[in-house]
Amino acid sequence: MKTVFLIALIAFALAFVSCSKNDSPEIIVKSQLTGYVQKGPFLNGTSVSVSELNSDLSQTGKVFSAQIKDNSGTFELSNLQLSSPYISLKSDGFYFNEVSGEVSTSQLTLYALADVKDISTLNVNVISTLEKARVEKLIADGLSFAAAKKQAMNEILAVFSMSKSDIQNSELLDISKSGDDNAILLAISVILQGYHSEAQLSELLANLSGDLSSDGKLDNEALGTELITQAISLNPAKIRKNLEERYSGIGSTAQIPDFEKYLTQFIQNTSFVPVSLITYPESVDGVLNILNDNNTSFISYNTDFGRYYSFSAVTPKGVSLKIKMEYIEGGGDSPYAWAYWMESDTNWKQTVYDSINRLQYFEVVEAGKQSTLKVQFLLGSNTKIRISYFENNNEVVTRSRVITVN
């Protein structure tokens, strides 16, 4: 009996040791983990931190740190020993703004979640940032990491009227390489950047991520309006040139992907309704503004001696505006339909008045400032004048309206 008991005890002990060995976490060794942090490319010296995560995406407490080592956004970590394949990356730093063609004046924070069991190269970008909260929610709801990543990616693409069933994970995308997957990333990146400051971009990313986290849909119409408004104002040719010159200037080879077609796809297919980035005050110093849509009827200088009106617009930095004023009919035979006070001119550049065709162009000199001018109408008697707007860097008329002068 004692012999049987002893044999059973030994068998139990062996089984326990065997189970303990099988339950031990597998150590994942990464001799090197490299990648890029990109909005446009982040700058040399930017901090990058990598946190190990459990399968439920809670932190294990193990953290690794690095710095971007060049102006293409490259980071590198060596000799990582992980007990879990899941990691979270966070990067804070300055970056090259591909829309303005300038280096950012303040820092931006981007994130990424990744499974590094079978990869040693991964990137941090705006899509990886947008999807983070949604992936965390889907995993909390029971999805696997891979399934959560795929669903979150598809939901983000849908917001931008895009779809690609075989697109790579966000952390594998790269704005400096060719291919449709990378073109999608760059298109979304430029739409989000738009003419925002770094603070505005950071807020937009946070608001979009928060809105998407619960159900994967963009429920806030104001955010959608902001996206399409920025998208239609962009100059794709300038963006491409900015990126090509930047990468060339830092000695890096880049193949900028064909992002233009995905930008156009969003503009043509989205249900979001744009508004103008430019504002036209209804009045300035108590004087009606000719350029405001609500002001359609005016009085001529001859009817009310000394009467003048404001010619005013506020343009965001990077956004151009040109106005064409053109006489249509009425008011008599005088070739001069209006005049302006030179001493009142602030930030407008005017062409010489065309007395034959009775038209004139006005263009904002420096975007980011309010432009004002005092204008008088010289003709009355139901004079019709067309005002055409070339807004948001457009070379063709954005819209036009007709005003009446009596």
Foldseek 3Di string as FASTA:
>chain_A
DVVVVVVVVVVVVVVVVVVVVVPQFDKAWFQKAKEFECLPGFAWFKKKKKFAADQLRHTPPDMDIWTQHHQNGMTMDGTDIHSFQKMKMKIKGWHQQLQVLHIAPGIAMWMAIDRPRPHRYWYTYLLRRLLVLQLSLVVVVPDGSVVSQQVLSQLVQVLLLHHDNPQDGPGVADQQEADDNNLQRNLQSQLLVQLDHSVSSRVLSVVSSVCCNPPSHNPDLVSSQSSLQSLVLTDVVSSVVSSVCVCVVRVHHGDRYPNVVSSVSSNVPPPRDYDHQKDFDCADPPFGEPPDPVAFEAEACVVPPPDKHKHKMAAAAPKWKKKKKFWDDDFDDFLEFKDWDPVQWDQKDKDPQDSVRRMIMIIGRGHRGMTITIMGTHGAGFTKMKMFMQISPHPDTPDMDIHTYD
